[in-house]
C-alpha cells in the first residue's frame, strides 16, 4: 500500500466558504499533496492559491482525515492522510485552475456548503468548523 499526505483549507470570507467545482460537477474543498521539504501548513496555503487563485492565511489547524482509494493507473491502493486548516481570505476573487479539472471556484454561504460538498470526510470537516466558529 502506498501512503500519501495532502493538506487543504476551509477558506472563509465573511459568512461564506470557498468551494471548487470539478468538470464532473462535484463540489470539493481545495487540497493537494504535500511536496518534499514542505510543511502541511505551507502545502495548504499553496494548494488553495494554486487551485482557486485565492490568497488566504491560516487561522488554525482543524484536524486530519484518513481514507483509502484505488489508483487506477498503477492499480494500487493508496492510504491518504489529509491535514485541514481553517483559513481566512482577504477577497472573494477567485479563478479556478482548469488544468487540474476545476471549472468553478466560488464562495458559498455557510448554510449551503454542507449540502453541496461531494465527500463525507469533507462534510465532517465542514461540520466541525461550523460548530466551532461564528461566521
N, C-alpha and C. Protein backbone atom coordinates (compact mmCIF):
# COMPACT_ATOMS: atom_id res chain seq x y z
N UNK A 1 0.84 -1.18 0.00
CA UNK A 1 0.00 0.00 0.00
C UNK A 1 0.89 1.25 0.00
N UNK A 2 0.50 2.22 -0.79
CA UNK A 2 1.22 3.48 -0.91
C UNK A 2 0.61 4.48 0.08
N UNK A 3 1.45 5.32 0.70
CA UNK A 3 0.95 6.36 1.58
C UNK A 3 1.12 7.71 0.92
N UNK A 4 0.12 8.57 1.11
CA UNK A 4 0.13 9.90 0.52
C UNK A 4 -0.35 10.90 1.56
N UNK A 5 0.30 12.05 1.63
CA UNK A 5 -0.10 13.10 2.57
C UNK A 5 -0.48 14.35 1.79
N UNK A 6 -1.65 14.89 2.11
CA UNK A 6 -2.14 16.11 1.48
C UNK A 6 -2.51 17.11 2.55
N UNK A 7 -2.77 18.34 2.12
CA UNK A 7 -3.22 19.39 3.02
C UNK A 7 -4.18 20.29 2.26
N UNK A 8 -5.13 20.86 3.00
CA UNK A 8 -6.10 21.72 2.36
C UNK A 8 -6.66 22.74 3.32
N UNK A 9 -7.54 23.58 2.78
CA UNK A 9 -8.09 24.65 3.58
C UNK A 9 -9.59 24.76 3.50
N UNK A 10 -10.18 25.07 4.65
CA UNK A 10 -11.56 25.54 4.70
C UNK A 10 -11.41 27.05 4.77
N UNK A 11 -11.61 27.68 3.62
CA UNK A 11 -11.31 29.11 3.47
C UNK A 11 -12.59 29.93 3.64
N UNK A 12 -12.55 30.84 4.60
CA UNK A 12 -13.71 31.64 4.96
C UNK A 12 -13.52 33.08 4.51
N UNK A 13 -14.61 33.66 4.00
CA UNK A 13 -14.67 35.10 3.74
C UNK A 13 -16.06 35.53 4.17
N UNK A 14 -16.15 36.33 5.22
CA UNK A 14 -17.46 36.71 5.75
C UNK A 14 -18.19 35.48 6.24
N UNK A 15 -19.40 35.26 5.71
CA UNK A 15 -20.18 34.08 6.10
C UNK A 15 -20.21 33.03 5.00
N UNK A 16 -19.16 33.01 4.17
CA UNK A 16 -19.10 32.08 3.05
C UNK A 16 -17.80 31.28 3.09
N UNK A 17 -17.85 30.10 2.47
CA UNK A 17 -16.71 29.18 2.43
C UNK A 17 -16.39 28.85 0.97
N UNK A 18 -15.09 28.83 0.66
CA UNK A 18 -14.62 28.56 -0.70
C UNK A 18 -14.85 27.09 -1.09
N UNK A 19 -15.50 26.89 -2.23
CA UNK A 19 -15.65 25.56 -2.82
C UNK A 19 -15.18 25.59 -4.26
N UNK A 20 -14.73 24.43 -4.72
CA UNK A 20 -14.31 24.26 -6.12
C UNK A 20 -15.22 23.24 -6.77
N UNK A 21 -15.58 23.49 -8.03
CA UNK A 21 -16.41 22.52 -8.76
C UNK A 21 -15.59 21.91 -9.89
N UNK A 22 -15.58 20.59 -9.90
CA UNK A 22 -14.86 19.83 -10.92
C UNK A 22 -15.68 19.75 -12.21
N UNK A 23 -15.02 19.33 -13.29
CA UNK A 23 -15.71 19.16 -14.59
C UNK A 23 -16.89 18.21 -14.48
N UNK A 24 -16.79 17.22 -13.57
CA UNK A 24 -17.88 16.24 -13.42
C UNK A 24 -19.02 16.74 -12.54
N UNK A 25 -18.91 17.98 -12.03
CA UNK A 25 -19.97 18.57 -11.22
C UNK A 25 -19.76 18.46 -9.72
N UNK A 26 -18.78 17.68 -9.28
CA UNK A 26 -18.53 17.51 -7.84
C UNK A 26 -17.97 18.80 -7.23
N UNK A 27 -18.52 19.17 -6.06
CA UNK A 27 -18.01 20.30 -5.30
C UNK A 27 -17.08 19.77 -4.23
N UNK A 28 -15.89 20.39 -4.11
CA UNK A 28 -14.87 19.93 -3.16
C UNK A 28 -14.19 21.13 -2.50
N UNK A 29 -13.48 20.83 -1.40
CA UNK A 29 -12.62 21.82 -0.76
C UNK A 29 -11.25 21.77 -1.43
N UNK A 30 -10.52 22.89 -1.46
CA UNK A 30 -9.19 22.87 -2.07
C UNK A 30 -8.18 22.11 -1.21
N UNK A 31 -7.45 21.21 -1.86
CA UNK A 31 -6.40 20.45 -1.17
C UNK A 31 -5.46 19.85 -2.20
N UNK A 32 -4.29 19.40 -1.73
CA UNK A 32 -3.35 18.75 -2.63
C UNK A 32 -2.18 18.18 -1.85
N UNK A 33 -1.33 17.49 -2.58
CA UNK A 33 -0.19 16.80 -1.96
C UNK A 33 0.81 17.74 -1.32
N UNK A 34 1.35 17.28 -0.20
CA UNK A 34 2.45 17.98 0.46
C UNK A 34 3.72 17.59 -0.30
N UNK A 35 4.46 18.58 -0.77
CA UNK A 35 5.67 18.32 -1.53
C UNK A 35 6.86 18.10 -0.61
N UNK A 36 7.91 17.53 -1.17
CA UNK A 36 9.14 17.28 -0.41
C UNK A 36 9.66 18.59 0.19
N UNK A 37 10.11 18.55 1.43
CA UNK A 37 10.64 19.71 2.16
C UNK A 37 9.61 20.81 2.37
N UNK A 38 8.34 20.44 2.42
CA UNK A 38 7.26 21.40 2.62
C UNK A 38 6.43 20.94 3.82
N UNK A 39 6.02 21.88 4.67
CA UNK A 39 5.15 21.53 5.79
C UNK A 39 3.71 21.43 5.29
N UNK A 40 2.85 20.79 6.08
CA UNK A 40 1.44 20.70 5.69
C UNK A 40 0.80 22.09 5.67
N UNK A 41 1.25 22.97 6.54
CA UNK A 41 0.73 24.36 6.55
C UNK A 41 1.07 25.06 5.23
N UNK A 42 2.34 24.94 4.81
CA UNK A 42 2.77 25.56 3.56
C UNK A 42 2.01 24.97 2.37
N UNK A 43 1.83 23.66 2.39
CA UNK A 43 1.11 22.99 1.30
C UNK A 43 -0.33 23.47 1.22
N UNK A 44 -0.99 23.62 2.37
CA UNK A 44 -2.38 24.06 2.38
C UNK A 44 -2.53 25.45 1.75
N UNK A 45 -1.67 26.38 2.14
CA UNK A 45 -1.72 27.74 1.59
C UNK A 45 -1.44 27.71 0.09
N UNK A 46 -0.42 26.94 -0.31
CA UNK A 46 -0.05 26.85 -1.73
C UNK A 46 -1.18 26.23 -2.55
N UNK A 47 -1.74 25.13 -2.07
CA UNK A 47 -2.80 24.45 -2.82
C UNK A 47 -4.05 25.31 -2.97
N UNK A 48 -4.43 26.01 -1.91
CA UNK A 48 -5.59 26.91 -2.01
C UNK A 48 -5.35 27.94 -3.10
N UNK A 49 -4.15 28.53 -3.11
CA UNK A 49 -3.85 29.54 -4.12
C UNK A 49 -3.78 28.92 -5.52
N UNK A 50 -3.09 27.78 -5.66
CA UNK A 50 -2.95 27.16 -6.99
C UNK A 50 -4.29 26.74 -7.58
N UNK A 51 -5.16 26.18 -6.75
CA UNK A 51 -6.42 25.65 -7.28
C UNK A 51 -7.50 26.70 -7.46
N UNK A 52 -7.41 27.81 -6.70
CA UNK A 52 -8.51 28.79 -6.73
C UNK A 52 -8.08 30.22 -7.01
N UNK A 53 -6.78 30.51 -6.90
CA UNK A 53 -6.32 31.89 -7.04
C UNK A 53 -6.57 32.73 -5.81
N UNK A 54 -7.06 32.11 -4.72
CA UNK A 54 -7.38 32.84 -3.50
C UNK A 54 -6.16 32.85 -2.57
N UNK A 55 -5.80 34.04 -2.12
CA UNK A 55 -4.74 34.18 -1.12
C UNK A 55 -5.41 34.14 0.25
N UNK A 56 -4.94 33.21 1.08
CA UNK A 56 -5.56 33.05 2.39
C UNK A 56 -4.49 32.83 3.45
N UNK A 57 -4.82 33.19 4.68
CA UNK A 57 -3.90 32.96 5.78
C UNK A 57 -4.52 31.96 6.75
N UNK A 58 -3.67 31.16 7.35
CA UNK A 58 -4.14 30.14 8.27
C UNK A 58 -4.53 30.76 9.60
N UNK A 59 -5.70 30.38 10.09
CA UNK A 59 -6.18 30.78 11.41
C UNK A 59 -5.78 29.71 12.43
N UNK A 60 -6.08 28.44 12.09
CA UNK A 60 -5.70 27.34 12.99
C UNK A 60 -5.87 25.99 12.28
N UNK A 61 -5.27 24.99 12.91
CA UNK A 61 -5.37 23.61 12.43
C UNK A 61 -6.74 23.06 12.83
N UNK A 62 -7.41 22.39 11.91
CA UNK A 62 -8.72 21.81 12.20
C UNK A 62 -8.58 20.34 12.62
N UNK A 63 -7.80 19.59 11.86
CA UNK A 63 -7.64 18.17 12.13
C UNK A 63 -7.26 17.43 10.87
N UNK A 64 -7.19 16.10 11.00
CA UNK A 64 -6.83 15.29 9.83
C UNK A 64 -7.88 14.23 9.59
N UNK A 65 -7.93 13.77 8.35
CA UNK A 65 -8.79 12.64 7.98
C UNK A 65 -7.93 11.62 7.25
N UNK A 66 -8.37 10.37 7.32
CA UNK A 66 -7.68 9.28 6.63
C UNK A 66 -8.71 8.54 5.77
N UNK A 67 -8.27 8.12 4.61
CA UNK A 67 -9.11 7.25 3.78
C UNK A 67 -8.22 6.52 2.79
N UNK A 68 -8.78 5.52 2.16
CA UNK A 68 -8.05 4.80 1.11
C UNK A 68 -8.80 4.96 -0.20
N UNK A 69 -8.04 4.92 -1.27
CA UNK A 69 -8.65 4.92 -2.60
C UNK A 69 -7.80 4.08 -3.53
N UNK A 70 -8.37 3.70 -4.64
CA UNK A 70 -7.68 2.87 -5.62
C UNK A 70 -7.13 3.75 -6.72
N UNK A 71 -5.80 3.73 -6.91
CA UNK A 71 -5.16 4.44 -8.00
C UNK A 71 -5.26 3.52 -9.23
N UNK A 72 -6.11 3.88 -10.14
CA UNK A 72 -6.39 3.02 -11.30
C UNK A 72 -5.18 2.89 -12.22
N UNK A 73 -4.43 3.98 -12.41
CA UNK A 73 -3.26 3.94 -13.31
C UNK A 73 -2.24 2.90 -12.87
N UNK A 74 -1.89 2.93 -11.57
CA UNK A 74 -0.87 1.99 -11.06
C UNK A 74 -1.49 0.74 -10.45
N UNK A 75 -2.82 0.66 -10.42
CA UNK A 75 -3.53 -0.48 -9.84
C UNK A 75 -3.05 -0.76 -8.42
N UNK A 76 -3.06 0.28 -7.59
CA UNK A 76 -2.63 0.13 -6.21
C UNK A 76 -3.57 0.87 -5.27
N UNK A 77 -3.60 0.42 -4.03
CA UNK A 77 -4.40 1.08 -3.01
C UNK A 77 -3.54 2.14 -2.33
N UNK A 78 -4.11 3.33 -2.17
CA UNK A 78 -3.40 4.45 -1.56
C UNK A 78 -4.06 4.78 -0.22
N UNK A 79 -3.25 4.86 0.84
CA UNK A 79 -3.72 5.29 2.15
C UNK A 79 -3.41 6.78 2.25
N UNK A 80 -4.45 7.59 2.32
CA UNK A 80 -4.26 9.03 2.26
C UNK A 80 -4.59 9.68 3.60
N UNK A 81 -3.72 10.62 3.99
CA UNK A 81 -3.94 11.47 5.15
C UNK A 81 -4.06 12.90 4.64
N UNK A 82 -5.11 13.60 5.07
CA UNK A 82 -5.29 15.00 4.68
C UNK A 82 -5.34 15.84 5.95
N UNK A 83 -4.45 16.84 6.01
CA UNK A 83 -4.43 17.81 7.11
C UNK A 83 -5.24 19.02 6.68
N UNK A 84 -6.22 19.41 7.51
CA UNK A 84 -7.10 20.52 7.17
C UNK A 84 -6.83 21.72 8.07
N UNK A 85 -6.85 22.91 7.46
CA UNK A 85 -6.63 24.17 8.16
C UNK A 85 -7.79 25.12 7.92
N UNK A 86 -8.18 25.83 8.97
CA UNK A 86 -9.14 26.91 8.83
C UNK A 86 -8.35 28.12 8.34
N UNK A 87 -8.85 28.74 7.28
CA UNK A 87 -8.13 29.86 6.67
C UNK A 87 -9.09 31.02 6.42
N UNK A 88 -8.51 32.21 6.36
CA UNK A 88 -9.29 33.41 6.09
C UNK A 88 -8.78 34.07 4.82
N UNK A 89 -9.70 34.37 3.91
CA UNK A 89 -9.33 35.05 2.67
C UNK A 89 -9.51 36.55 2.84
N UNK A 90 -8.74 37.32 2.09
CA UNK A 90 -8.90 38.77 2.15
C UNK A 90 -9.71 39.31 0.98
N UNK A 91 -10.22 38.40 0.15
CA UNK A 91 -11.01 38.79 -1.01
C UNK A 91 -11.82 37.59 -1.49
N UNK A 92 -12.92 37.86 -2.18
CA UNK A 92 -13.73 36.77 -2.76
C UNK A 92 -13.33 36.49 -4.21
N UNK A 93 -12.33 37.20 -4.70
CA UNK A 93 -11.87 36.98 -6.07
C UNK A 93 -11.25 35.61 -6.19
N UNK A 94 -11.69 34.85 -7.18
CA UNK A 94 -11.15 33.50 -7.37
C UNK A 94 -11.13 33.13 -8.85
N UNK A 95 -10.19 32.25 -9.18
CA UNK A 95 -10.04 31.77 -10.56
C UNK A 95 -9.76 30.27 -10.49
N UNK A 96 -10.67 29.45 -11.00
CA UNK A 96 -10.45 28.00 -10.92
C UNK A 96 -9.29 27.56 -11.81
N UNK A 97 -8.55 26.55 -11.35
CA UNK A 97 -7.43 26.02 -12.13
C UNK A 97 -7.98 24.94 -13.06
N UNK A 98 -8.20 25.32 -14.31
CA UNK A 98 -8.81 24.40 -15.27
C UNK A 98 -7.94 23.18 -15.57
N UNK A 99 -6.60 23.34 -15.55
CA UNK A 99 -5.73 22.20 -15.86
C UNK A 99 -5.80 21.12 -14.78
N UNK A 100 -6.30 21.47 -13.59
CA UNK A 100 -6.50 20.50 -12.51
C UNK A 100 -7.92 19.95 -12.52
N UNK A 101 -8.72 20.38 -13.49
CA UNK A 101 -10.08 19.87 -13.61
C UNK A 101 -11.14 20.68 -12.90
N UNK A 102 -10.83 21.91 -12.49
CA UNK A 102 -11.81 22.75 -11.81
C UNK A 102 -12.41 23.76 -12.79
N UNK A 103 -13.74 23.84 -12.79
CA UNK A 103 -14.40 24.78 -13.70
C UNK A 103 -14.98 25.98 -12.96
N UNK A 104 -15.03 25.88 -11.63
CA UNK A 104 -15.57 26.99 -10.86
C UNK A 104 -14.91 27.02 -9.48
N UNK A 105 -14.62 28.22 -9.01
CA UNK A 105 -14.12 28.45 -7.66
C UNK A 105 -14.94 29.60 -7.13
N UNK A 106 -15.70 29.34 -6.07
CA UNK A 106 -16.61 30.37 -5.57
C UNK A 106 -16.83 30.22 -4.08
N UNK A 107 -17.23 31.32 -3.46
CA UNK A 107 -17.56 31.29 -2.04
C UNK A 107 -19.06 31.03 -1.92
N UNK A 108 -19.40 30.03 -1.11
CA UNK A 108 -20.78 29.58 -0.93
C UNK A 108 -21.21 29.89 0.50
N UNK A 109 -22.44 30.37 0.67
CA UNK A 109 -22.94 30.69 2.00
C UNK A 109 -22.83 29.47 2.92
N UNK A 110 -22.45 29.71 4.17
CA UNK A 110 -22.20 28.64 5.13
C UNK A 110 -23.38 27.68 5.29
N UNK A 111 -24.61 28.16 5.09
CA UNK A 111 -25.79 27.30 5.25
C UNK A 111 -25.97 26.32 4.09
N UNK A 112 -25.33 26.56 2.98
CA UNK A 112 -25.49 25.69 1.80
C UNK A 112 -24.31 24.76 1.57
N UNK A 113 -23.19 25.07 2.18
CA UNK A 113 -21.93 24.40 1.83
C UNK A 113 -21.95 22.89 2.12
N UNK A 114 -22.51 22.47 3.25
CA UNK A 114 -22.51 21.03 3.60
C UNK A 114 -23.34 20.21 2.60
N UNK A 115 -24.39 20.81 2.07
CA UNK A 115 -25.25 20.09 1.12
C UNK A 115 -24.59 19.93 -0.25
N UNK A 116 -23.67 20.82 -0.58
CA UNK A 116 -23.04 20.77 -1.90
C UNK A 116 -21.82 19.85 -1.96
N UNK A 117 -21.05 19.78 -0.87
CA UNK A 117 -19.78 19.05 -0.88
C UNK A 117 -20.01 17.56 -1.13
N UNK A 118 -19.25 17.00 -2.04
CA UNK A 118 -19.41 15.63 -2.51
C UNK A 118 -19.03 14.57 -1.48
N UNK A 119 -17.88 14.76 -0.81
CA UNK A 119 -17.31 13.68 0.00
C UNK A 119 -17.63 13.82 1.49
N UNK A 120 -17.94 12.68 2.11
CA UNK A 120 -18.32 12.64 3.51
C UNK A 120 -17.23 13.18 4.43
N UNK A 121 -15.95 12.84 4.15
CA UNK A 121 -14.87 13.33 5.02
C UNK A 121 -14.79 14.85 5.00
N UNK A 122 -15.08 15.47 3.85
CA UNK A 122 -15.06 16.92 3.77
C UNK A 122 -16.29 17.51 4.48
N UNK A 123 -17.43 16.83 4.41
CA UNK A 123 -18.62 17.28 5.15
C UNK A 123 -18.35 17.27 6.66
N UNK A 124 -17.64 16.24 7.13
CA UNK A 124 -17.31 16.16 8.56
C UNK A 124 -16.41 17.33 8.99
N UNK A 125 -15.42 17.65 8.18
CA UNK A 125 -14.54 18.78 8.48
C UNK A 125 -15.34 20.08 8.50
N UNK A 126 -16.24 20.24 7.54
CA UNK A 126 -17.07 21.45 7.49
C UNK A 126 -17.97 21.54 8.72
N UNK A 127 -18.57 20.43 9.13
CA UNK A 127 -19.43 20.43 10.32
C UNK A 127 -18.63 20.84 11.54
N UNK A 128 -17.42 20.33 11.66
CA UNK A 128 -16.54 20.68 12.79
C UNK A 128 -16.25 22.19 12.79
N UNK A 129 -15.93 22.73 11.63
CA UNK A 129 -15.65 24.17 11.52
C UNK A 129 -16.88 24.99 11.85
N UNK A 130 -18.01 24.62 11.30
CA UNK A 130 -19.23 25.42 11.50
C UNK A 130 -19.70 25.39 12.96
N UNK A 131 -19.37 24.34 13.70
CA UNK A 131 -19.71 24.27 15.13
C UNK A 131 -18.82 25.16 15.98
N UNK A 132 -17.57 25.32 15.55
CA UNK A 132 -16.58 25.97 16.41
C UNK A 132 -16.32 27.44 16.09
N UNK A 133 -16.81 27.93 14.97
CA UNK A 133 -16.57 29.34 14.65
C UNK A 133 -17.90 30.02 14.37
N UNK A 134 -17.89 31.31 14.52
CA UNK A 134 -19.09 32.11 14.27
C UNK A 134 -18.87 32.91 13.01
N UNK A 135 -19.34 32.36 11.89
CA UNK A 135 -19.21 33.10 10.63
C UNK A 135 -20.59 33.38 10.08
